[in-house]
Amino acid sequence: MISRSALSRGSQLALRSRSAAKVAQRGFAAASEKASYNPTTVAGVKVASRDDHGPTTRLAVIAKAGTRYEPLPGLTVGLEEFAFKNTEKRSALRITRESELLGAQLSAYHTREALILQANFLREDLPYFAELLAEVISKTQYTTHEFLEEVEDVIHLKQSKVDNAAVALDAAHSVAFHKGLGAPLYPTPETPVSSYLNEGNVGAFAYAAYTKSNIAVVADGASEAGLSKWVESFFKAVPTESQESIFSNTSKYHGGETRISRNGSNAVVIGFNGASLGENKPEIAVLAGLLGGESGIKWSPGFSLLSKATSGVPGVHAHAANFAYSDAGLFTIQISGGSALGVRKVAEEAVKAIKSVADGSIPQEDVVKAVAKARFNLLALSETSGAGLVHAGANLISGGQPLVVSDRLKALESVNGDKLKAAAKTLLEGKASVASVGDLFVLPYAEDLGLKV
């Protein structure tokens, strides 16, 4: 029998690699089981939970009230800012003081499709916060004085902080989808929200959006039985449906180009028809990993194509991401920086990078790294505070099911160079959605980049 000391260094490394692979497979399997939410329906409310038996819990109500569904500009942000204000039972001050005494955190935020009301707290306080969230969506008063003194000013302040990178991403969505998903995530200072935004309109939007058919209650760190018990007890007051329906239209990808002259930094967003929430397109996730962005390894430029593109252009940042929605997706490369020339150069290199994938000239080693990155991103998304909740809730309110992480991991493992090549070709053959914001004298047109719009 050959002793371990007699083995060559290469053989030892091979043994270690096989052992590590087996450990990794077991680890991924355990992690994927833990990362998935268990869905059910309780008293007409869609509910999902997962329980790691830790000391804290995150509980969220995810409502179909994102900017896609607002009938007038600004209503989603108005509804967000009214969260945890005066209700029929409790004042905003009481809500704040009681939550502080329990050591909890309360937050409200939104996406293009969902409005999220979230509470993070000690596990034993689940009954209190289940009751509070039910009260917020069914008994908030939407008073004039709160709107004028607290809500309106906060919205104007946040409007002033919308940067050019956010404007470019909104503009890319606008040319890609027009209405619905094309609505800006947050109104810019140029948006005349004062013409539409008042406490009456916000209250009417809440009445239409906060119904059992439009919400999901999702918990991370609570048992299914415990969550179901308190949802059944406290969400009875939530209307089953409303006489007023929320604005909704089926998304259609159009593509196109828009250019906005604006002071400040410069930004270019290059978008393509991407993958929706329910679509099984693992190659899109791997392509996002391959294009990547800034390196996650200190002192290294990283393997991703965009990190290499920006390495020689200081002050310019780029990253790729697929924005998945219920019935559409937008695959984007987002580039921003102070120098318009630098942003233009990286935009040109980004398109060359996609073309190199479509040509099949990417080394197999980089494909392996991209698959590993996509697997990590999937598991990290599921574990990140709030991200897993929102993803599960978004699937539920759109009529789907929470992500089964183990299935997605298997799909990612099947991606190879040929599938990436085909995916990149499909993107380039379709119409792009290109938005440029900043110094338009320097920033490129889609035609300059060799893209179809």
Protein backbone atom coordinates (compact mmCIF):
# COMPACT_ATOMS: atom_id res chain seq x y z
CA MET A 1 0.00 0.00 0.00
CA ILE A 2 1.40 3.40 -0.93
CA SER A 3 1.87 5.75 2.02
CA ARG A 4 0.52 9.30 1.85
CA SER A 5 4.07 10.67 2.18
CA ALA A 6 5.03 8.84 -1.01
CA LEU A 7 2.35 10.54 -3.06
CA SER A 8 3.35 13.39 -5.28
CA ARG A 9 2.15 16.90 -4.46
CA GLY A 10 -0.18 16.79 -7.48
CA SER A 11 -1.75 13.53 -6.31
CA GLN A 12 -2.25 14.92 -2.83
CA LEU A 13 -3.98 17.98 -4.26
CA ALA A 14 -6.22 15.76 -6.40
CA LEU A 15 -7.25 13.75 -3.33
CA ARG A 16 -7.95 16.91 -1.42
CA SER A 17 -10.01 18.26 -4.32
CA ARG A 18 -12.19 15.14 -4.46
CA SER A 19 -12.69 15.20 -0.70
CA ALA A 20 -13.48 18.90 -0.79
CA ALA A 21 -15.97 18.35 -3.61
CA LYS A 22 -17.85 15.73 -1.57
CA VAL A 23 -17.94 18.05 1.46
CA ALA A 24 -19.08 20.95 -0.74
CA GLN A 25 -21.89 18.88 -2.27
CA ARG A 26 -23.14 17.92 1.20
CA GLY A 27 -22.83 21.56 2.29
CA PHE A 28 -24.75 22.87 -0.71
CA ALA A 29 -27.49 20.29 -0.17
CA ALA A 30 -27.89 21.24 3.48
CA ALA A 31 -27.76 24.94 2.70
CA SER A 32 -30.32 24.68 -0.10
CA GLU A 33 -32.78 22.83 2.14
CA LYS A 34 -32.40 25.51 4.81
CA ALA A 35 -32.68 28.34 2.27
CA SER A 36 -36.09 27.35 0.86
CA TYR A 37 -39.39 28.72 2.22
CA ASN A 38 -42.42 26.51 2.89
CA PRO A 39 -45.57 28.07 1.38
CA THR A 40 -49.17 27.65 2.53
CA THR A 41 -52.43 29.60 2.68
CA VAL A 42 -53.96 30.69 5.99
CA ALA A 43 -57.40 32.32 6.12
CA GLY A 44 -57.05 33.46 2.51
CA VAL A 45 -53.56 34.93 3.04
CA LYS A 46 -50.51 33.52 1.25
CA VAL A 47 -47.91 32.60 3.88
CA ALA A 48 -44.34 31.27 3.69
CA SER A 49 -41.77 30.56 6.38
CA ARG A 50 -38.48 28.92 7.12
CA ASP A 51 -36.97 28.30 10.55
CA ASP A 52 -33.30 28.04 11.47
CA HIS A 53 -34.27 27.95 15.16
CA GLY A 54 -32.22 31.06 15.89
CA PRO A 55 -33.02 33.73 18.52
CA THR A 56 -34.34 36.35 16.09
CA THR A 57 -37.10 36.54 13.50
CA ARG A 58 -37.70 38.62 10.40
CA LEU A 59 -41.35 39.08 9.47
CA ALA A 60 -42.59 40.92 6.40
CA VAL A 61 -45.79 41.75 4.59
CA ILE A 62 -45.09 41.89 0.86
CA ALA A 63 -47.86 43.72 -1.01
CA LYS A 64 -48.52 44.08 -4.72
CA ALA A 65 -48.02 47.84 -4.46
CA GLY A 66 -44.71 48.54 -6.19
CA THR A 67 -44.30 51.34 -8.70
CA ARG A 68 -45.51 49.05 -11.48
CA TYR A 69 -48.99 49.04 -9.94
CA GLU A 70 -49.40 52.68 -8.86
CA PRO A 71 -52.18 54.44 -10.79
CA LEU A 72 -50.54 57.85 -10.26
CA PRO A 73 -46.87 58.85 -9.85
CA GLY A 74 -45.59 58.87 -6.29
CA LEU A 75 -48.29 56.75 -4.62
CA THR A 76 -45.96 53.85 -3.84
CA VAL A 77 -43.46 56.09 -2.05
CA GLY A 78 -46.35 57.83 -0.29
CA LEU A 79 -47.67 54.51 0.96
CA GLU A 80 -44.15 53.52 2.03
CA GLU A 81 -43.71 56.70 4.09
CA PHE A 82 -47.11 56.24 5.77
CA ALA A 83 -46.00 52.85 7.16
CA PHE A 84 -46.01 52.72 10.97
CA LYS A 85 -47.78 56.08 11.29
CA ASN A 86 -51.01 56.56 13.29
CA THR A 87 -53.50 53.70 13.16
CA GLU A 88 -57.00 53.45 14.62
CA LYS A 89 -55.55 51.64 17.64
CA ARG A 90 -52.07 53.09 18.16
CA SER A 91 -50.28 56.36 17.55
CA ALA A 92 -47.01 56.45 15.65
CA LEU A 93 -45.28 57.42 18.90
CA ARG A 94 -46.67 54.38 20.69
CA ILE A 95 -45.59 52.08 17.85
CA THR A 96 -42.08 53.52 18.04
CA ARG A 97 -41.80 53.31 21.84
CA GLU A 98 -43.16 49.76 22.07
CA SER A 99 -40.89 48.53 19.30
CA GLU A 100 -37.87 50.14 20.96
CA LEU A 101 -38.73 48.52 24.30
CA LEU A 102 -38.76 45.15 22.52
CA GLY A 103 -35.43 45.88 20.82
CA ALA A 104 -36.95 45.60 17.35
CA GLN A 105 -36.28 47.20 13.98
CA LEU A 106 -39.05 48.43 11.67
CA SER A 107 -38.59 49.29 8.02
CA ALA A 108 -40.54 49.95 4.84
CA TYR A 109 -39.15 49.86 1.31
CA HIS A 110 -40.28 49.00 -2.19
CA THR A 111 -39.31 47.43 -5.49
CA ARG A 112 -40.91 47.86 -8.90
CA GLU A 113 -43.46 45.17 -8.04
CA ALA A 114 -43.75 45.07 -4.26
CA LEU A 115 -44.02 47.21 -1.15
CA ILE A 116 -42.40 45.58 1.86
CA LEU A 117 -43.23 46.26 5.51
CA GLN A 118 -40.69 44.45 7.66
CA ALA A 119 -40.02 43.90 11.35
CA ASN A 120 -36.89 42.28 12.84
CA PHE A 121 -37.27 41.20 16.45
CA LEU A 122 -36.59 38.60 19.13
CA ARG A 123 -38.23 35.30 18.35
CA GLU A 124 -40.64 35.33 21.33
CA ASP A 125 -42.20 38.62 20.17
CA LEU A 126 -43.79 37.16 17.02
CA PRO A 127 -47.40 37.66 18.26
CA TYR A 128 -46.88 41.38 18.86
CA PHE A 129 -45.37 42.11 15.46
CA ALA A 130 -47.80 39.91 13.55
CA GLU A 131 -50.58 41.98 15.10
CA LEU A 132 -48.75 45.24 14.37
CA LEU A 133 -48.20 44.51 10.66
CA ALA A 134 -51.82 43.44 10.24
CA GLU A 135 -52.88 46.67 11.92
CA VAL A 136 -50.63 48.81 9.73
CA ILE A 137 -52.08 47.48 6.46
CA SER A 138 -55.72 47.50 7.60
CA LYS A 139 -56.10 50.40 10.06
CA THR A 140 -53.64 53.16 9.14
CA GLN A 141 -55.49 56.50 9.15
CA TYR A 142 -53.67 58.49 6.39
CA THR A 143 -54.21 61.83 8.12
CA THR A 144 -53.66 65.23 6.50
CA HIS A 145 -51.34 66.54 9.20
CA GLU A 146 -49.04 63.53 8.97
CA PHE A 147 -48.88 63.86 5.21
CA LEU A 148 -48.03 67.57 5.32
CA GLU A 149 -45.67 67.45 8.30
CA GLU A 150 -43.86 64.15 7.84
CA VAL A 151 -44.56 62.29 4.60
CA GLU A 152 -44.34 65.02 1.96
CA ASP A 153 -41.07 66.53 3.20
CA VAL A 154 -39.36 63.14 3.41
CA ILE A 155 -40.37 62.33 -0.16
CA HIS A 156 -38.99 65.64 -1.45
CA LEU A 157 -35.74 65.04 0.44
CA LYS A 158 -35.34 61.58 -1.07
CA GLN A 159 -36.17 62.94 -4.52
CA SER A 160 -33.22 65.32 -4.28
CA LYS A 161 -30.87 62.40 -3.61
CA VAL A 162 -31.69 60.41 -6.75
CA ASP A 163 -28.36 60.13 -8.58
CA ASN A 164 -27.60 59.79 -12.27
CA ALA A 165 -26.96 56.04 -12.04
CA ALA A 166 -30.49 55.54 -10.69
CA VAL A 167 -31.92 57.84 -13.37
CA ALA A 168 -30.17 55.79 -16.06
CA LEU A 169 -31.49 52.50 -14.69
CA ASP A 170 -35.02 53.91 -14.56
CA ALA A 171 -34.64 55.24 -18.11
CA ALA A 172 -33.50 51.83 -19.35
CA HIS A 173 -36.60 50.25 -17.79
CA SER A 174 -38.74 52.92 -19.40
CA VAL A 175 -37.53 52.24 -22.95
CA ALA A 176 -37.63 48.50 -22.30
CA PHE A 177 -41.16 48.23 -20.92
CA HIS A 178 -42.84 51.66 -21.31
CA LYS A 179 -45.65 51.61 -18.72
CA GLY A 180 -45.82 49.36 -15.67
CA LEU A 181 -42.29 48.12 -15.12
CA GLY A 182 -41.12 51.23 -16.97
CA ALA A 183 -42.25 53.50 -14.12
CA PRO A 184 -39.32 54.99 -12.16
CA LEU A 185 -38.41 53.27 -8.92
CA TYR A 186 -38.30 56.64 -7.18
CA PRO A 187 -39.58 59.92 -8.63
CA THR A 188 -36.83 62.35 -9.63
CA PRO A 189 -36.95 66.06 -8.67
CA GLU A 190 -38.34 66.72 -12.16
CA THR A 191 -41.35 64.44 -11.56
CA PRO A 192 -44.43 66.59 -10.70
CA VAL A 193 -45.58 64.35 -7.84
CA SER A 194 -47.33 67.26 -6.08
CA SER A 195 -50.03 67.13 -8.75
CA TYR A 196 -50.91 63.55 -7.80
CA LEU A 197 -49.67 62.91 -4.28
CA ASN A 198 -51.93 63.59 -1.31
CA GLU A 199 -53.23 61.66 1.68
CA GLY A 200 -56.53 60.88 -0.04
CA ASN A 201 -54.92 59.27 -3.08
CA VAL A 202 -52.46 57.35 -0.92
CA GLY A 203 -55.32 56.04 1.22
CA ALA A 204 -57.27 54.97 -1.88
CA PHE A 205 -54.21 53.14 -3.22
CA ALA A 206 -53.79 51.39 0.14
CA TYR A 207 -57.45 50.33 0.08
CA ALA A 208 -56.93 48.74 -3.35
CA ALA A 209 -53.53 47.16 -2.64
CA TYR A 210 -53.84 45.88 0.94
CA THR A 211 -56.17 42.97 0.36
CA LYS A 212 -55.68 39.28 1.05
CA SER A 213 -55.35 38.52 -2.64
CA ASN A 214 -52.56 41.09 -3.05
CA ILE A 215 -50.34 40.34 -0.04
CA ALA A 216 -48.07 37.61 1.29
CA VAL A 217 -46.77 37.20 4.83
CA VAL A 218 -43.25 35.78 4.94
CA ALA A 219 -41.14 34.92 7.99
CA ASP A 220 -37.53 33.94 8.42
CA GLY A 221 -36.93 32.40 11.85
CA ALA A 222 -40.46 31.29 12.70
CA SER A 223 -42.11 27.87 12.60
CA GLU A 224 -44.87 27.25 10.09
CA ALA A 225 -47.32 26.39 12.88
CA GLY A 226 -46.48 29.48 14.91
CA LEU A 227 -46.72 31.86 11.98
CA SER A 228 -49.99 30.31 10.74
CA LYS A 229 -51.53 30.65 14.20
CA TRP A 230 -50.91 34.39 14.47
CA VAL A 231 -51.71 35.18 10.84
CA GLU A 232 -55.09 33.49 11.29
CA SER A 233 -55.71 35.48 14.47
CA PHE A 234 -54.63 38.96 13.38
CA PHE A 235 -55.17 39.20 9.63
CA LYS A 236 -58.93 38.67 9.80
CA ALA A 237 -59.50 42.41 9.48
CA VAL A 238 -57.66 42.59 6.16
CA PRO A 239 -60.23 42.81 3.34
CA THR A 240 -60.49 39.80 1.08
CA GLU A 241 -60.78 42.04 -1.96
CA SER A 242 -61.43 45.66 -2.86
CA GLN A 243 -63.94 47.34 -5.11
CA GLU A 244 -61.02 49.31 -6.53
CA SER A 245 -58.52 47.18 -8.44
CA ILE A 246 -54.86 48.07 -8.71
CA PHE A 247 -53.40 49.20 -12.02
CA SER A 248 -52.00 46.22 -13.90
CA ASN A 249 -50.90 45.43 -17.43
CA THR A 250 -48.97 42.59 -19.03
CA SER A 251 -45.34 43.46 -19.58
CA LYS A 252 -44.00 43.60 -23.11
CA TYR A 253 -40.34 44.12 -23.95
CA HIS A 254 -39.82 46.87 -26.53
CA GLY A 255 -36.19 48.03 -26.45
CA GLY A 256 -34.92 51.41 -27.59
CA GLU A 257 -32.66 54.26 -26.59
CA THR A 258 -32.95 57.38 -24.45
CA ARG A 259 -30.44 60.12 -23.62
CA ILE A 260 -30.75 62.56 -20.73
CA SER A 261 -28.49 65.57 -20.28
CA ARG A 262 -27.83 66.04 -16.55
CA ASN A 263 -25.16 67.63 -14.38
CA GLY A 264 -23.09 65.47 -12.08
CA SER A 265 -21.71 62.01 -12.72
CA ASN A 266 -22.17 60.02 -15.92
CA ALA A 267 -23.98 56.72 -16.38
CA VAL A 268 -24.79 54.27 -19.16
CA VAL A 269 -27.11 51.29 -18.78
CA ILE A 270 -27.17 48.62 -21.48
CA GLY A 271 -30.17 46.33 -21.15
CA PHE A 272 -31.50 43.25 -22.92
CA ASN A 273 -34.60 41.08 -22.68
CA GLY A 274 -33.77 38.99 -19.60
CA ALA A 275 -35.26 36.19 -17.49
CA SER A 276 -38.42 36.54 -15.39
CA LEU A 277 -38.96 35.11 -11.90
CA GLY A 278 -40.57 31.92 -13.10
CA GLU A 279 -38.29 31.20 -16.06
CA ASN A 280 -35.67 28.50 -15.75
CA LYS A 281 -32.74 30.22 -17.49
CA PRO A 282 -29.68 29.38 -15.39
CA GLU A 283 -27.39 30.53 -18.19
CA ILE A 284 -28.53 34.12 -17.58
CA ALA A 285 -27.42 33.91 -13.94
CA VAL A 286 -24.07 32.42 -14.98
CA LEU A 287 -23.63 35.09 -17.67
CA ALA A 288 -24.17 37.75 -14.99
CA GLY A 289 -21.47 36.04 -12.92
CA LEU A 290 -19.09 35.88 -15.87
CA LEU A 291 -19.54 39.55 -16.75
CA GLY A 292 -19.54 40.32 -13.02
CA GLY A 293 -18.23 43.68 -11.88
CA GLU A 294 -15.83 44.65 -9.13
CA SER A 295 -13.59 41.92 -7.80
CA GLY A 296 -14.54 40.20 -4.56
CA ILE A 297 -10.89 39.31 -3.90
CA LYS A 298 -8.68 41.99 -2.36
CA TRP A 299 -5.62 43.00 -4.40
CA SER A 300 -6.92 41.10 -7.43
CA PRO A 301 -8.69 42.56 -10.48
CA GLY A 302 -10.86 39.43 -10.51
CA PHE A 303 -11.73 37.02 -13.31
CA SER A 304 -14.93 38.73 -14.45
CA LEU A 305 -14.96 40.48 -17.81
CA LEU A 306 -16.24 43.81 -16.46
CA SER A 307 -13.68 43.92 -13.65
CA LYS A 308 -10.99 43.61 -16.31
CA ALA A 309 -12.69 46.32 -18.38
CA THR A 310 -12.67 48.80 -15.48
CA SER A 311 -9.23 47.93 -14.08
CA GLY A 312 -7.52 50.52 -16.30
CA VAL A 313 -10.19 53.20 -15.89
CA PRO A 314 -10.06 54.61 -12.34
CA GLY A 315 -13.27 56.02 -10.92
CA VAL A 316 -15.56 54.04 -13.23
CA HIS A 317 -17.65 51.15 -11.91
CA ALA A 318 -19.57 48.49 -13.83
CA HIS A 319 -21.58 45.43 -12.96
CA ALA A 320 -24.03 43.04 -14.59
CA ALA A 321 -27.36 41.93 -13.12
CA ASN A 322 -30.63 40.39 -14.23
CA PHE A 323 -33.72 42.12 -12.83
CA ALA A 324 -36.33 39.38 -12.65
CA TYR A 325 -40.01 40.33 -12.47
CA SER A 326 -43.20 38.30 -12.46
CA ASP A 327 -43.70 38.35 -16.23
CA ALA A 328 -40.50 39.85 -17.65
CA GLY A 329 -36.82 40.38 -17.00
CA LEU A 330 -34.17 42.95 -17.85
CA PHE A 331 -30.54 41.85 -18.11
CA THR A 332 -28.38 44.91 -17.54
CA ILE A 333 -24.83 46.18 -17.57
CA GLN A 334 -24.68 49.31 -15.41
CA ILE A 335 -21.72 51.67 -15.83
CA SER A 336 -21.15 54.88 -13.87
CA GLY A 337 -18.35 57.28 -13.02
CA GLY A 338 -17.20 60.87 -12.94
CA SER A 339 -15.44 60.77 -16.30
CA ALA A 340 -17.67 60.64 -19.37
CA LEU A 341 -14.72 59.40 -21.45
CA GLY A 342 -14.09 56.63 -18.91
CA VAL A 343 -17.74 55.57 -18.92
CA ARG A 344 -17.75 55.53 -22.73
CA LYS A 345 -14.61 53.38 -22.84
CA VAL A 346 -15.99 50.84 -20.37
CA ALA A 347 -19.32 50.71 -22.27
CA GLU A 348 -17.42 49.85 -25.44
CA GLU A 349 -15.42 47.18 -23.61
CA ALA A 350 -18.61 45.77 -22.06
CA VAL A 351 -20.19 45.16 -25.47
CA LYS A 352 -16.94 43.58 -26.68
CA ALA A 353 -17.10 41.31 -23.62
CA ILE A 354 -20.59 40.07 -24.50
CA LYS A 355 -19.49 39.51 -28.09
CA SER A 356 -16.52 37.47 -26.87
CA VAL A 357 -18.92 35.21 -24.97
CA ALA A 358 -21.08 34.90 -28.09
CA ASP A 359 -17.98 33.99 -30.12
CA GLY A 360 -17.16 31.18 -27.71
CA SER A 361 -13.72 32.59 -26.90
CA ILE A 362 -14.07 32.41 -23.11
CA PRO A 363 -11.67 29.95 -21.39
CA GLN A 364 -13.31 26.95 -19.75
CA GLU A 365 -11.72 27.91 -16.43
CA ASP A 366 -13.62 31.22 -16.44
CA VAL A 367 -16.87 29.36 -17.17
CA VAL A 368 -16.26 27.15 -14.12
CA LYS A 369 -15.60 30.25 -12.00
CA ALA A 370 -18.79 31.91 -13.29
CA VAL A 371 -20.90 28.87 -12.40
CA ALA A 372 -19.39 28.85 -8.90
CA LYS A 373 -20.09 32.58 -8.57
CA ALA A 374 -23.71 32.10 -9.67
CA ARG A 375 -24.17 29.32 -7.09
CA PHE A 376 -22.73 31.54 -4.37
CA ASN A 377 -24.93 34.47 -5.42
CA LEU A 378 -28.03 32.25 -5.27
CA LEU A 379 -27.30 30.98 -1.76
CA ALA A 380 -26.20 34.42 -0.54
CA LEU A 381 -29.45 35.94 -1.84
CA SER A 382 -31.44 33.37 0.11
CA GLU A 383 -29.51 34.03 3.32
CA THR A 384 -29.18 37.82 3.12
CA SER A 385 -31.39 39.72 5.53
CA GLY A 386 -34.52 40.77 3.70
CA ALA A 387 -33.50 39.58 0.21
CA GLY A 388 -34.83 36.05 0.65
CA LEU A 389 -38.06 37.36 2.19
CA VAL A 390 -38.71 39.70 -0.72
CA HIS A 391 -37.92 37.07 -3.35
CA ALA A 392 -40.28 34.54 -1.74
CA GLY A 393 -43.03 37.12 -1.29
CA ALA A 394 -42.68 38.45 -4.83
CA ASN A 395 -43.21 34.94 -6.19
CA LEU A 396 -46.28 34.40 -4.00
CA ILE A 397 -48.08 37.66 -4.84
CA SER A 398 -47.56 37.00 -8.55
CA GLY A 399 -49.19 33.57 -8.30
CA GLY A 400 -46.00 31.52 -8.22
CA GLN A 401 -44.14 29.57 -5.57
CA PRO A 402 -41.03 30.44 -3.55
CA LEU A 403 -37.73 29.51 -5.08
CA VAL A 404 -36.65 25.89 -4.52
CA VAL A 405 -32.95 26.50 -4.06
CA SER A 406 -31.85 22.89 -4.59
CA ASP A 407 -33.52 22.82 -8.02
CA ARG A 408 -31.86 26.07 -9.08
CA LEU A 409 -28.46 24.84 -7.91
CA LYS A 410 -28.79 21.73 -10.09
CA ALA A 411 -29.79 23.88 -13.05
CA LEU A 412 -26.74 26.11 -12.60
CA GLU A 413 -24.45 23.08 -12.57
CA SER A 414 -25.72 22.13 -16.04
CA VAL A 415 -24.52 25.38 -17.64
CA ASN A 416 -21.51 25.06 -19.94
CA GLY A 417 -19.69 27.17 -22.49
CA ASP A 418 -22.09 26.30 -25.32
CA LYS A 419 -25.13 27.42 -23.32
CA LEU A 420 -23.41 30.68 -22.40
CA LYS A 421 -22.51 31.24 -26.04
CA ALA A 422 -26.12 30.70 -27.11
CA ALA A 423 -27.44 33.02 -24.38
CA ALA A 424 -25.06 35.84 -25.35
CA LYS A 425 -25.96 35.44 -29.03
CA THR A 426 -29.66 35.68 -28.20
CA LEU A 427 -29.10 38.92 -26.29
CA LEU A 428 -27.11 40.53 -29.09
CA GLU A 429 -29.55 39.47 -31.80
CA GLY A 430 -32.46 41.12 -29.99
CA LYS A 431 -33.16 44.80 -29.41
CA ALA A 432 -31.17 46.47 -26.66
CA SER A 433 -32.42 49.08 -24.19
CA VAL A 434 -29.76 51.77 -23.80
CA ALA A 435 -29.90 54.78 -21.48
CA SER A 436 -27.22 57.46 -21.20
CA VAL A 437 -27.29 60.15 -18.53
CA GLY A 438 -24.76 62.97 -18.10
CA ASP A 439 -22.47 64.57 -20.67
CA LEU A 440 -24.19 63.57 -23.91
CA PHE A 441 -21.46 65.15 -26.04
CA VAL A 442 -19.17 62.29 -24.96
CA LEU A 443 -21.44 59.42 -23.94
CA PRO A 444 -22.02 56.92 -26.78
CA TYR A 445 -25.12 56.18 -28.80
CA ALA A 446 -26.27 52.57 -29.05
CA GLU A 447 -25.18 52.66 -32.69
CA ASP A 448 -21.65 53.58 -31.61
CA LEU A 449 -21.58 50.47 -29.42
CA GLY A 450 -22.80 48.24 -32.26
CA LEU A 451 -26.14 47.49 -30.63
CA LYS A 452 -29.58 47.11 -32.21
CA VAL A 453 -32.33 49.33 -30.77
